[in-house]
Amino acid sequence: MFSDFAERRALEQKMRQEGRLPPGQSVTLKFPVLHYGPVPLYDDLGQWSLRLHGLVEKELTLSWDDFTKLPRRKVNFDLHCVTKWSKFDTQWEGVHLQDLIDEGILKLKPEAQFCIQHCEFGYTTNTSLEAALSENFLMAFLYEGKPLEPEHGYPVRGLMAAIPGKRTETDRYLWKGGKWLRALEFTADDHPGFWEKAGYNNIANVWREERYSRW
């Protein structure tokens, strides 16, 4: 236990010196599980699909087989949770929206300005289109080379995180990526999601410590 504490404190000091630890955050060596509602279980991925709709030239509904054949990226991310823990240098693999656009698989209409993530049980979260198309967002299905654990969003989760050593305007707290992703909706107007309606900040920039709405 003491060795874990010493390792965590040493890593926290290192990340702070490198400018990678946002204000108000503490380092964790674990991967805490936080979400609202039950964990869905998928016995048959043949029943899973991902819908891309709204302000698109052609709506897409992708099966699991379709989705796993899309262009994919391997990315290292720093994770920053609004509950004040940060986990560094995590490895993910998944599908990036910009790659779908570049490959002509997805074409957005000019009016699209926001991306709404729709997840199981009606849960939603929202970002600007700029954030959804940035390096910070990934539709992830592998973590550390393995399928996601159910409590971390299996089979696919939206992931909003930070590129190690690269501070950007689109670095967001982790809740801006929805677990158990089922659809992306592109809209002209913003539609705050579950936690945003409950008082969490609509933008959620980690460097400005935008945790909650200021009433």
C-alpha atoms as a PDB file:
ATOM      1  CA  MET A   1       0.000   0.000   0.000  1.00  0.00           C
ATOM      2  CA  PHE A   2       2.809   2.408   0.906  1.00  0.00           C
ATOM      3  CA  SER A   3       4.621   1.635  -2.351  1.00  0.00           C
ATOM      4  CA  ASP A   4       1.445   2.466  -4.336  1.00  0.00           C
ATOM      5  CA  PHE A   5       1.137   5.749  -2.432  1.00  0.00           C
ATOM      6  CA  ALA A   6       4.769   6.633  -3.113  1.00  0.00           C
ATOM      7  CA  GLU A   7       4.415   5.735  -6.806  1.00  0.00           C
ATOM      8  CA  ARG A   8       1.275   7.815  -7.139  1.00  0.00           C
ATOM      9  CA  ARG A   9       2.838  10.846  -5.430  1.00  0.00           C
ATOM     10  CA  ALA A  10       5.968  10.593  -7.583  1.00  0.00           C
ATOM     11  CA  LEU A  11       3.885  10.377 -10.773  1.00  0.00           C
ATOM     12  CA  GLU A  12       1.731  13.295  -9.649  1.00  0.00           C
ATOM     13  CA  GLN A  13       4.817  15.443  -9.113  1.00  0.00           C
ATOM     14  CA  LYS A  14       6.190  14.440 -12.509  1.00  0.00           C
ATOM     15  CA  MET A  15       2.905  15.215 -14.313  1.00  0.00           C
ATOM     16  CA  ARG A  16       2.652  18.560 -12.564  1.00  0.00           C
ATOM     17  CA  GLN A  17       6.195  19.473 -13.573  1.00  0.00           C
ATOM     18  CA  GLU A  18       5.444  18.494 -17.178  1.00  0.00           C
ATOM     19  CA  GLY A  19       2.300  20.632 -17.190  1.00  0.00           C
ATOM     20  CA  ARG A  20       0.016  17.629 -17.783  1.00  0.00           C
ATOM     21  CA  LEU A  21      -1.959  17.731 -14.510  1.00  0.00           C
ATOM     22  CA  PRO A  22      -4.938  20.122 -14.753  1.00  0.00           C
ATOM     23  CA  PRO A  23      -5.835  22.287 -11.755  1.00  0.00           C
ATOM     24  CA  GLY A  24      -7.682  20.538  -8.944  1.00  0.00           C
ATOM     25  CA  GLN A  25      -6.775  17.026 -10.157  1.00  0.00           C
ATOM     26  CA  SER A  26      -4.986  14.155  -8.389  1.00  0.00           C
ATOM     27  CA  VAL A  27      -3.293  11.133  -9.968  1.00  0.00           C
ATOM     28  CA  THR A  28      -4.794   7.655  -9.712  1.00  0.00           C
ATOM     29  CA  LEU A  29      -3.104   4.382 -10.648  1.00  0.00           C
ATOM     30  CA  LYS A  30      -6.472   2.627 -10.839  1.00  0.00           C
ATOM     31  CA  PHE A  31      -9.319   3.118 -13.322  1.00  0.00           C
ATOM     32  CA  PRO A  32     -12.296   4.226 -11.202  1.00  0.00           C
ATOM     33  CA  VAL A  33     -15.782   3.276 -12.376  1.00  0.00           C
ATOM     34  CA  LEU A  34     -18.324   6.084 -12.374  1.00  0.00           C
ATOM     35  CA  HIS A  35     -21.633   6.253 -14.239  1.00  0.00           C
ATOM     36  CA  TYR A  36     -25.336   6.787 -13.752  1.00  0.00           C
ATOM     37  CA  GLY A  37     -27.711   3.825 -14.001  1.00  0.00           C
ATOM     38  CA  PRO A  38     -27.175   0.113 -14.683  1.00  0.00           C
ATOM     39  CA  VAL A  39     -24.507  -1.545 -16.812  1.00  0.00           C
ATOM     40  CA  PRO A  40     -25.967  -3.025 -20.014  1.00  0.00           C
ATOM     41  CA  LEU A  41     -24.889  -6.545 -20.928  1.00  0.00           C
ATOM     42  CA  TYR A  42     -24.549  -7.644 -24.549  1.00  0.00           C
ATOM     43  CA  ASP A  43     -24.899 -11.372 -25.115  1.00  0.00           C
ATOM     44  CA  ASP A  44     -25.139 -10.964 -28.885  1.00  0.00           C
ATOM     45  CA  LEU A  45     -23.339  -8.137 -30.690  1.00  0.00           C
ATOM     46  CA  GLY A  46     -25.445  -8.994 -33.704  1.00  0.00           C
ATOM     47  CA  GLN A  47     -28.142  -6.933 -31.972  1.00  0.00           C
ATOM     48  CA  TRP A  48     -25.861  -3.906 -31.529  1.00  0.00           C
ATOM     49  CA  SER A  49     -25.783  -1.024 -34.005  1.00  0.00           C
ATOM     50  CA  LEU A  50     -24.478   2.540 -34.208  1.00  0.00           C
ATOM     51  CA  ARG A  51     -26.532   5.230 -35.901  1.00  0.00           C
ATOM     52  CA  LEU A  52     -25.021   8.420 -37.396  1.00  0.00           C
ATOM     53  CA  HIS A  53     -27.837  10.832 -38.116  1.00  0.00           C
ATOM     54  CA  GLY A  54     -29.162  14.372 -38.011  1.00  0.00           C
ATOM     55  CA  LEU A  55     -27.493  16.924 -40.259  1.00  0.00           C
ATOM     56  CA  VAL A  56     -25.789  14.366 -42.505  1.00  0.00           C
ATOM     57  CA  GLU A  57     -26.104  13.898 -46.259  1.00  0.00           C
ATOM     58  CA  LYS A  58     -26.931  10.231 -45.743  1.00  0.00           C
ATOM     59  CA  GLU A  59     -27.890   8.582 -42.476  1.00  0.00           C
ATOM     60  CA  LEU A  60     -25.811   5.530 -41.532  1.00  0.00           C
ATOM     61  CA  THR A  61     -26.685   2.565 -39.344  1.00  0.00           C
ATOM     62  CA  LEU A  62     -23.636   0.400 -38.716  1.00  0.00           C
ATOM     63  CA  SER A  63     -23.675  -3.171 -37.450  1.00  0.00           C
ATOM     64  CA  TRP A  64     -20.874  -4.389 -35.178  1.00  0.00           C
ATOM     65  CA  ASP A  65     -19.233  -6.020 -38.189  1.00  0.00           C
ATOM     66  CA  ASP A  66     -19.534  -2.767 -40.173  1.00  0.00           C
ATOM     67  CA  PHE A  67     -18.111  -0.730 -37.316  1.00  0.00           C
ATOM     68  CA  THR A  68     -15.046  -2.899 -36.725  1.00  0.00           C
ATOM     69  CA  LYS A  69     -14.166  -2.715 -40.436  1.00  0.00           C
ATOM     70  CA  LEU A  70     -13.979   1.101 -40.388  1.00  0.00           C
ATOM     71  CA  PRO A  71     -10.627   2.930 -40.380  1.00  0.00           C
ATOM     72  CA  ARG A  72      -9.281   2.912 -36.827  1.00  0.00           C
ATOM     73  CA  ARG A  73      -6.697   4.713 -34.753  1.00  0.00           C
ATOM     74  CA  LYS A  74      -4.501   3.724 -31.819  1.00  0.00           C
ATOM     75  CA  VAL A  75      -4.208   6.646 -29.420  1.00  0.00           C
ATOM     76  CA  ASN A  76      -2.556   7.402 -26.078  1.00  0.00           C
ATOM     77  CA  PHE A  77      -4.759   9.523 -23.823  1.00  0.00           C
ATOM     78  CA  ASP A  78      -4.623  11.227 -20.449  1.00  0.00           C
ATOM     79  CA  LEU A  79      -8.005  10.891 -18.717  1.00  0.00           C
ATOM     80  CA  HIS A  80      -9.330  13.650 -16.469  1.00  0.00           C
ATOM     81  CA  CYS A  81     -12.525  13.004 -14.514  1.00  0.00           C
ATOM     82  CA  VAL A  82     -14.664  15.817 -13.142  1.00  0.00           C
ATOM     83  CA  THR A  83     -14.518  14.018  -9.777  1.00  0.00           C
ATOM     84  CA  LYS A  84     -10.858  15.110  -9.640  1.00  0.00           C
ATOM     85  CA  TRP A  85      -8.887  12.004 -10.598  1.00  0.00           C
ATOM     86  CA  SER A  86      -6.519  11.815 -13.558  1.00  0.00           C
ATOM     87  CA  LYS A  87      -5.063   8.701 -15.192  1.00  0.00           C
ATOM     88  CA  PHE A  88      -2.138   9.096 -17.556  1.00  0.00           C
ATOM     89  CA  ASP A  89      -0.799   7.390 -20.692  1.00  0.00           C
ATOM     90  CA  THR A  90      -3.726   5.071 -21.326  1.00  0.00           C
ATOM     91  CA  GLN A  91      -3.889   3.219 -24.649  1.00  0.00           C
ATOM     92  CA  TRP A  92      -7.047   3.051 -26.748  1.00  0.00           C
ATOM     93  CA  GLU A  93      -8.133   1.937 -30.181  1.00  0.00           C
ATOM     94  CA  GLY A  94     -11.244   2.988 -32.044  1.00  0.00           C
ATOM     95  CA  VAL A  95     -12.850   4.992 -34.820  1.00  0.00           C
ATOM     96  CA  HIS A  96     -12.313   8.707 -35.353  1.00  0.00           C
ATOM     97  CA  LEU A  97     -14.976  10.882 -36.958  1.00  0.00           C
ATOM     98  CA  GLN A  98     -12.515  12.860 -39.060  1.00  0.00           C
ATOM     99  CA  ASP A  99     -11.290   9.633 -40.654  1.00  0.00           C
ATOM    100  CA  LEU A 100     -14.846   8.777 -41.680  1.00  0.00           C
ATOM    101  CA  ILE A 101     -15.209  12.195 -43.280  1.00  0.00           C
ATOM    102  CA  ASP A 102     -11.830  11.967 -45.020  1.00  0.00           C
ATOM    103  CA  GLU A 103     -12.744   8.536 -46.420  1.00  0.00           C
ATOM    104  CA  GLY A 104     -16.114   9.811 -47.703  1.00  0.00           C
ATOM    105  CA  ILE A 105     -18.010   7.440 -45.423  1.00  0.00           C
ATOM    106  CA  LEU A 106     -19.688  10.299 -43.559  1.00  0.00           C
ATOM    107  CA  LYS A 107     -20.621  13.696 -44.982  1.00  0.00           C
ATOM    108  CA  LEU A 108     -21.960  16.398 -42.677  1.00  0.00           C
ATOM    109  CA  LYS A 109     -24.197  19.211 -43.800  1.00  0.00           C
ATOM    110  CA  PRO A 110     -22.750  22.745 -43.433  1.00  0.00           C
ATOM    111  CA  GLU A 111     -25.304  23.607 -40.735  1.00  0.00           C
ATOM    112  CA  ALA A 112     -23.940  20.971 -38.335  1.00  0.00           C
ATOM    113  CA  GLN A 113     -22.355  22.653 -35.310  1.00  0.00           C
ATOM    114  CA  PHE A 114     -22.836  20.159 -32.462  1.00  0.00           C
ATOM    115  CA  CYS A 115     -22.533  16.429 -31.834  1.00  0.00           C
ATOM    116  CA  ILE A 116     -24.907  14.705 -29.415  1.00  0.00           C
ATOM    117  CA  GLN A 117     -23.877  11.266 -28.147  1.00  0.00           C
ATOM    118  CA  HIS A 118     -26.830   8.948 -27.511  1.00  0.00           C
ATOM    119  CA  CYS A 119     -26.128   5.998 -25.246  1.00  0.00           C
ATOM    120  CA  GLU A 120     -28.062   3.122 -23.672  1.00  0.00           C
ATOM    121  CA  PHE A 121     -31.022   3.906 -21.406  1.00  0.00           C
ATOM    122  CA  GLY A 122     -31.551   7.332 -22.996  1.00  0.00           C
ATOM    123  CA  TYR A 123     -28.363   8.879 -21.622  1.00  0.00           C
ATOM    124  CA  THR A 124     -26.887  11.720 -23.705  1.00  0.00           C
ATOM    125  CA  THR A 125     -23.966  14.109 -23.583  1.00  0.00           C
ATOM    126  CA  ASN A 126     -23.063  16.931 -25.949  1.00  0.00           C
ATOM    127  CA  THR A 127     -20.010  18.624 -27.439  1.00  0.00           C
ATOM    128  CA  SER A 128     -19.322  21.154 -30.116  1.00  0.00           C
ATOM    129  CA  LEU A 129     -18.602  19.678 -33.533  1.00  0.00           C
ATOM    130  CA  GLU A 130     -15.092  21.111 -33.213  1.00  0.00           C
ATOM    131  CA  ALA A 131     -14.500  18.957 -30.118  1.00  0.00           C
ATOM    132  CA  ALA A 132     -16.008  15.845 -31.721  1.00  0.00           C
ATOM    133  CA  LEU A 133     -13.721  16.206 -34.753  1.00  0.00           C
ATOM    134  CA  SER A 134     -10.623  16.951 -32.675  1.00  0.00           C
ATOM    135  CA  GLU A 135      -7.917  14.478 -31.682  1.00  0.00           C
ATOM    136  CA  ASN A 136      -9.519  14.360 -28.230  1.00  0.00           C
ATOM    137  CA  PHE A 137     -12.581  12.310 -29.235  1.00  0.00           C
ATOM    138  CA  LEU A 138     -12.633   8.643 -30.177  1.00  0.00           C
ATOM    139  CA  MET A 139     -15.323   5.989 -30.534  1.00  0.00           C
ATOM    140  CA  ALA A 140     -13.276   3.470 -28.587  1.00  0.00           C
ATOM    141  CA  PHE A 141     -13.698  -0.295 -28.394  1.00  0.00           C
ATOM    142  CA  LEU A 142     -10.257  -1.507 -27.218  1.00  0.00           C
ATOM    143  CA  TYR A 143      -8.448  -0.465 -24.022  1.00  0.00           C
ATOM    144  CA  GLU A 144      -4.844  -1.561 -23.525  1.00  0.00           C
ATOM    145  CA  GLY A 145      -5.322  -3.905 -26.484  1.00  0.00           C
ATOM    146  CA  LYS A 146      -8.390  -5.669 -25.082  1.00  0.00           C
ATOM    147  CA  PRO A 147     -12.182  -5.223 -25.442  1.00  0.00           C
ATOM    148  CA  LEU A 148     -13.632  -2.786 -22.939  1.00  0.00           C
ATOM    149  CA  GLU A 149     -14.902  -4.100 -19.630  1.00  0.00           C
ATOM    150  CA  PRO A 150     -18.714  -3.776 -19.359  1.00  0.00           C
ATOM    151  CA  GLU A 151     -18.450  -1.099 -16.660  1.00  0.00           C
ATOM    152  CA  HIS A 152     -16.129   0.942 -18.877  1.00  0.00           C
ATOM    153  CA  GLY A 153     -18.516   1.020 -21.830  1.00  0.00           C
ATOM    154  CA  TYR A 154     -18.378  -2.295 -23.736  1.00  0.00           C
ATOM    155  CA  PRO A 155     -18.712  -2.668 -26.647  1.00  0.00           C
ATOM    156  CA  VAL A 156     -18.141   0.978 -27.713  1.00  0.00           C
ATOM    157  CA  ARG A 157     -17.839   4.188 -25.765  1.00  0.00           C
ATOM    158  CA  GLY A 158     -17.305   7.785 -26.676  1.00  0.00           C
ATOM    159  CA  LEU A 159     -14.015   8.943 -25.205  1.00  0.00           C
ATOM    160  CA  MET A 160     -13.123  12.567 -24.541  1.00  0.00           C
ATOM    161  CA  ALA A 161      -9.595  12.934 -23.217  1.00  0.00           C
ATOM    162  CA  ALA A 162      -6.281  14.759 -23.617  1.00  0.00           C
ATOM    163  CA  ILE A 163      -3.304  13.987 -25.847  1.00  0.00           C
ATOM    164  CA  PRO A 164      -0.249  13.547 -23.560  1.00  0.00           C
ATOM    165  CA  GLY A 165       1.919  16.650 -23.554  1.00  0.00           C
ATOM    166  CA  LYS A 166      -0.367  18.548 -25.941  1.00  0.00           C
ATOM    167  CA  ARG A 167      -2.619  21.058 -24.198  1.00  0.00           C
ATOM    168  CA  THR A 168      -5.543  22.088 -26.428  1.00  0.00           C
ATOM    169  CA  GLU A 169      -8.763  24.075 -26.241  1.00  0.00           C
ATOM    170  CA  THR A 170     -10.719  20.841 -26.772  1.00  0.00           C
ATOM    171  CA  ASP A 171      -9.339  18.970 -23.712  1.00  0.00           C
ATOM    172  CA  ARG A 172     -12.485  17.889 -21.866  1.00  0.00           C
ATOM    173  CA  TYR A 173     -13.470  16.089 -18.693  1.00  0.00           C
ATOM    174  CA  LEU A 174     -14.126  12.401 -19.197  1.00  0.00           C
ATOM    175  CA  TRP A 175     -17.926  12.538 -18.818  1.00  0.00           C
ATOM    176  CA  LYS A 176     -18.097  14.295 -22.200  1.00  0.00           C
ATOM    177  CA  GLY A 177     -17.574  10.839 -23.708  1.00  0.00           C
ATOM    178  CA  GLY A 178     -20.601   8.588 -23.220  1.00  0.00           C
ATOM    179  CA  LYS A 179     -20.314   4.905 -22.305  1.00  0.00           C
ATOM    180  CA  TRP A 180     -22.350   2.301 -24.240  1.00  0.00           C
ATOM    181  CA  LEU A 181     -22.592   4.488 -27.323  1.00  0.00           C
ATOM    182  CA  ARG A 182     -25.463   3.834 -29.745  1.00  0.00           C
ATOM    183  CA  ALA A 183     -25.759   6.974 -31.892  1.00  0.00           C
ATOM    184  CA  LEU A 184     -24.204  10.279 -32.852  1.00  0.00           C
ATOM    185  CA  GLU A 185     -26.609  13.043 -33.813  1.00  0.00           C
ATOM    186  CA  PHE A 186     -25.330  16.136 -35.612  1.00  0.00           C
ATOM    187  CA  THR A 187     -27.326  19.293 -34.961  1.00  0.00           C
ATOM    188  CA  ALA A 188     -27.347  23.021 -35.641  1.00  0.00           C
ATOM    189  CA  ASP A 189     -28.323  23.813 -32.041  1.00  0.00           C
ATOM    190  CA  ASP A 190     -26.821  22.580 -28.812  1.00  0.00           C
ATOM    191  CA  HIS A 191     -28.748  20.039 -26.718  1.00  0.00           C
ATOM    192  CA  PRO A 192     -27.321  19.692 -23.200  1.00  0.00           C
ATOM    193  CA  GLY A 193     -27.222  16.095 -21.973  1.00  0.00           C
ATOM    194  CA  PHE A 194     -27.958  14.316 -18.700  1.00  0.00           C
ATOM    195  CA  TRP A 195     -25.216  15.785 -16.502  1.00  0.00           C
ATOM    196  CA  GLU A 196     -25.284  19.139 -18.235  1.00  0.00           C
ATOM    197  CA  LYS A 197     -28.957  19.502 -17.340  1.00  0.00           C
ATOM    198  CA  ALA A 198     -28.079  18.478 -13.777  1.00  0.00           C
ATOM    199  CA  GLY A 199     -25.721  21.430 -13.362  1.00  0.00           C
ATOM    200  CA  TYR A 200     -22.433  20.306 -14.874  1.00  0.00           C
ATOM    201  CA  ASN A 201     -20.615  22.753 -17.136  1.00  0.00           C
ATOM    202  CA  ASN A 202     -21.701  22.631 -20.762  1.00  0.00           C
ATOM    203  CA  ILE A 203     -18.153  23.014 -22.134  1.00  0.00           C
ATOM    204  CA  ALA A 204     -16.059  21.148 -19.495  1.00  0.00           C
ATOM    205  CA  ASN A 205     -12.571  22.428 -20.368  1.00  0.00           C
ATOM    206  CA  VAL A 206     -10.146  20.770 -17.942  1.00  0.00           C
ATOM    207  CA  TRP A 207      -7.564  23.598 -17.912  1.00  0.00           C
ATOM    208  CA  ARG A 208     -10.152  26.234 -17.014  1.00  0.00           C
ATOM    209  CA  GLU A 209     -11.586  23.804 -14.414  1.00  0.00           C
ATOM    210  CA  GLU A 210     -15.078  24.059 -15.899  1.00  0.00           C
ATOM    211  CA  ARG A 211     -16.719  21.467 -13.678  1.00  0.00           C
ATOM    212  CA  TYR A 212     -20.101  22.957 -12.897  1.00  0.00           C
ATOM    213  CA  SER A 213     -22.417  25.624 -14.251  1.00  0.00           C
ATOM    214  CA  ARG A 214     -22.196  29.011 -12.589  1.00  0.00           C
ATOM    215  CA  TRP A 215     -25.679  30.123 -11.724  1.00  0.00           C
END
